[in-house]
Amino acid sequence: MRSVGYDEQFAVLEIEFVSGDVYRYHAVPHAIHRALMDAESKGRFFVEQIRDVYPTARVS
């Protein structure tokens, strides 16, 4: 997975998975986005810090 965008004004994070699916997460603090970019294991970080925590919608 990888971040494909972060909008600081609206705290919206978009993540693309290996499958090519893109999901948009809302109300994600900038600190979480920074930590995601710094995480050694991004997949593990996602499971522990983002999934089921912030409102999400599939984009593609």
Protein backbone atom coordinates (compact mmCIF):
# COMPACT_ATOMS: atom_id res chain seq x y z
CA MET A 1 0.00 0.00 0.00
CA ARG A 2 1.06 3.59 -0.48
CA SER A 3 -0.26 7.05 0.18
CA VAL A 4 -1.43 8.66 -3.04
CA GLY A 5 -2.42 11.94 -1.46
CA TYR A 6 -3.13 13.82 1.73
CA ASP A 7 -5.17 17.01 1.99
CA GLU A 8 -4.19 18.85 5.18
CA GLN A 9 -7.14 21.25 5.04
CA PHE A 10 -9.72 18.47 5.08
CA ALA A 11 -7.53 15.76 6.69
CA VAL A 12 -8.29 13.35 3.84
CA LEU A 13 -5.85 10.53 3.12
CA GLU A 14 -5.96 8.37 -0.01
CA ILE A 15 -4.26 4.98 0.02
CA GLU A 16 -3.68 2.69 -2.94
CA PHE A 17 -3.31 -1.02 -2.23
CA VAL A 18 -1.30 -3.57 -4.20
CA SER A 19 -4.56 -4.66 -5.84
CA GLY A 20 -4.91 -1.18 -7.35
CA ASP A 21 -7.92 -0.28 -5.20
CA VAL A 22 -7.86 3.27 -3.80
CA TYR A 23 -9.59 4.16 -0.54
CA ARG A 24 -10.18 7.62 0.92
CA TYR A 25 -10.00 8.03 4.70
CA HIS A 26 -11.51 11.11 6.35
CA ALA A 27 -10.55 13.00 9.52
CA VAL A 28 -7.03 11.53 9.56
CA PRO A 29 -4.69 13.74 11.61
CA HIS A 30 -1.52 14.94 9.89
CA ALA A 31 0.55 13.16 12.56
CA ILE A 32 -0.98 9.83 11.49
CA HIS A 33 -0.13 10.52 7.85
CA ARG A 34 3.47 11.39 8.79
CA ALA A 35 3.79 8.25 10.90
CA LEU A 36 2.41 6.16 8.03
CA MET A 37 5.05 7.57 5.68
CA ASP A 38 7.79 6.85 8.26
CA ALA A 39 6.57 3.37 9.21
CA GLU A 40 8.96 0.52 8.43
CA SER A 41 6.06 -1.85 7.79
CA LYS A 42 3.29 0.21 6.22
CA GLY A 43 0.87 -2.70 6.05
CA ARG A 44 1.22 -3.42 9.76
CA PHE A 45 0.84 0.28 10.57
CA PHE A 46 -2.34 0.41 8.51
CA VAL A 47 -3.91 -2.51 10.32
CA GLU A 48 -3.06 -1.11 13.75
CA GLN A 49 -3.61 2.63 13.25
CA ILE A 50 -6.05 3.31 10.43
CA ARG A 51 -8.36 0.40 9.55
CA ASP A 52 -11.78 0.71 11.17
CA VAL A 53 -10.70 3.93 12.96
CA TYR A 54 -11.48 6.63 10.40
CA PRO A 55 -14.48 6.94 8.06
CA THR A 56 -13.60 5.51 4.66
CA ALA A 57 -14.93 5.21 1.12
CA ARG A 58 -13.65 3.25 -1.84
CA VAL A 59 -12.59 5.59 -4.65
CA SER A 60 -11.71 3.02 -7.32
